[in-house]
Amino acid sequence: MNRRQNAGMTVYAVQYVYDPRADVRDVVRPEHRRFLAELFEAGALLASGPWTGPTEGHEPGAPEAAAEADGALLLLRAESRADAEAVLDRDPFARRGLVARRTLRPWNPVFGPWS
């Protein structure tokens, strides 16, 4: 997708909160990453990756940090929220029930490669 093809499309900041079954995620992860790679190659996925630490202000090892679920952030381009949700529903993690909660929020990049 080039910039002209992206005109009129919305970028969504998507937050995944994973369910506690890390062992199942480990098994499904290769399929999940292939799915994301296909979205990236098609120009729909701008970036994605797992959280690597607790929320700011939560010290590692503190009770509130330990209570935080694992998850990820994805930046996804789609024509509508419904289209974005339909794409995310096909994610192997979602199909296997490994995404306990998903939030989508429209995002307007003003600076950077996606502006």
Protein backbone atom coordinates (compact mmCIF):
# COMPACT_ATOMS: atom_id res chain seq x y z
CA MET A 1 0.00 0.00 0.00
CA ASN A 2 1.38 3.39 -0.81
CA ARG A 3 0.45 6.66 0.85
CA ARG A 4 -2.14 7.51 -1.83
CA GLN A 5 -3.83 4.12 -1.36
CA ASN A 6 -4.01 4.82 2.38
CA ALA A 7 -5.94 8.08 1.93
CA GLY A 8 -9.14 7.93 3.94
CA MET A 9 -7.99 4.98 6.04
CA THR A 10 -7.82 5.21 9.81
CA VAL A 11 -4.97 4.00 11.95
CA TYR A 12 -6.14 2.13 15.05
CA ALA A 13 -4.07 1.66 18.18
CA VAL A 14 -5.07 -1.81 19.34
CA GLN A 15 -4.30 -3.12 22.78
CA TYR A 16 -4.45 -6.82 23.46
CA VAL A 17 -4.67 -8.16 26.99
CA TYR A 18 -3.84 -11.86 26.95
CA ASP A 19 -5.47 -14.51 29.05
CA PRO A 20 -3.17 -16.29 31.52
CA ARG A 21 -2.46 -19.37 29.36
CA ALA A 22 1.11 -18.49 28.37
CA ASP A 23 1.83 -22.13 27.55
CA VAL A 24 -0.90 -22.16 24.89
CA ARG A 25 0.27 -18.78 23.52
CA ASP A 26 3.74 -20.26 23.12
CA VAL A 27 2.31 -23.04 20.93
CA VAL A 28 0.12 -20.71 18.83
CA ARG A 29 2.68 -17.86 18.57
CA PRO A 30 4.28 -19.01 15.26
CA GLU A 31 0.85 -19.04 13.57
CA HIS A 32 0.02 -15.65 15.16
CA ARG A 33 3.27 -14.15 13.88
CA ARG A 34 2.70 -15.51 10.36
CA PHE A 35 -0.72 -13.85 10.41
CA LEU A 36 0.82 -10.54 11.53
CA ALA A 37 3.57 -10.82 8.90
CA GLU A 38 0.92 -11.19 6.19
CA LEU A 39 -0.89 -8.09 7.45
CA PHE A 40 2.41 -6.19 7.51
CA GLU A 41 3.27 -7.24 3.95
CA ALA A 42 -0.21 -6.13 2.82
CA GLY A 43 0.35 -2.71 4.43
CA ALA A 44 -2.44 -3.08 6.99
CA LEU A 45 -0.23 -3.65 10.03
CA LEU A 46 2.13 -0.77 10.73
CA ALA A 47 3.74 -2.15 13.87
CA SER A 48 3.13 -4.67 16.61
CA GLY A 49 4.81 -6.18 19.61
CA PRO A 50 4.33 -7.39 23.16
CA TRP A 51 4.63 -5.22 26.22
CA THR A 52 8.08 -5.71 27.75
CA GLY A 53 7.48 -4.45 31.27
CA PRO A 54 4.91 -3.10 33.70
CA THR A 55 2.93 0.09 33.23
CA GLU A 56 4.92 3.20 34.13
CA GLY A 57 4.79 3.76 37.85
CA HIS A 58 4.44 0.04 38.59
CA GLU A 59 7.76 -1.23 39.85
CA PRO A 60 8.72 -4.73 38.68
CA GLY A 61 7.82 -7.19 41.41
CA ALA A 62 5.27 -4.86 43.03
CA PRO A 63 1.79 -6.35 43.55
CA GLU A 64 0.17 -4.08 40.95
CA ALA A 65 2.83 -4.99 38.35
CA ALA A 66 2.45 -8.69 39.11
CA ALA A 67 -1.32 -8.37 38.63
CA GLU A 68 -0.94 -6.87 35.14
CA ALA A 69 -1.75 -9.31 32.37
CA ASP A 70 0.59 -9.81 29.44
CA GLY A 71 -0.46 -8.14 26.23
CA ALA A 72 0.58 -6.28 23.12
CA LEU A 73 0.16 -3.11 21.10
CA LEU A 74 -0.68 -3.17 17.39
CA LEU A 75 -1.03 -0.27 14.96
CA LEU A 76 -3.49 -1.31 12.29
CA ARG A 77 -4.74 0.61 9.26
CA ALA A 78 -8.32 -0.05 8.13
CA GLU A 79 -11.18 1.67 6.35
CA SER A 80 -13.48 1.36 9.37
CA ARG A 81 -13.58 0.06 12.90
CA ALA A 82 -15.71 -2.86 11.71
CA ASP A 83 -13.06 -3.74 9.12
CA ALA A 84 -10.31 -3.55 11.75
CA GLU A 85 -12.30 -5.77 14.10
CA ALA A 86 -12.94 -8.30 11.32
CA VAL A 87 -9.21 -8.49 10.61
CA LEU A 88 -8.37 -8.89 14.30
CA ASP A 89 -10.99 -11.61 14.69
CA ARG A 90 -8.93 -13.72 12.26
CA ASP A 91 -5.83 -13.53 14.49
CA PRO A 92 -4.96 -17.05 15.68
CA PHE A 93 -4.61 -15.72 19.23
CA ALA A 94 -8.18 -14.38 19.04
CA ARG A 95 -9.55 -17.53 17.39
CA ARG A 96 -8.05 -19.66 20.19
CA GLY A 97 -9.47 -17.42 22.93
CA LEU A 98 -6.06 -16.14 24.01
CA VAL A 99 -7.04 -12.45 23.84
CA ALA A 100 -9.00 -11.78 27.01
CA ARG A 101 -9.66 -8.14 26.10
CA ARG A 102 -9.10 -6.05 23.02
CA THR A 103 -9.46 -2.29 22.70
CA LEU A 104 -9.31 -0.24 19.52
CA ARG A 105 -8.80 3.48 19.46
CA PRO A 106 -8.49 5.66 16.36
CA TRP A 107 -5.08 7.32 16.26
CA ASN A 108 -3.90 10.27 14.20
CA PRO A 109 -0.13 10.13 13.65
CA VAL A 110 1.03 13.72 13.14
CA PHE A 111 4.78 13.05 12.94
CA GLY A 112 6.66 9.98 11.84
CA PRO A 113 6.53 7.43 9.08
CA TRP A 114 2.76 6.95 9.26
CA SER A 115 1.74 10.62 9.25
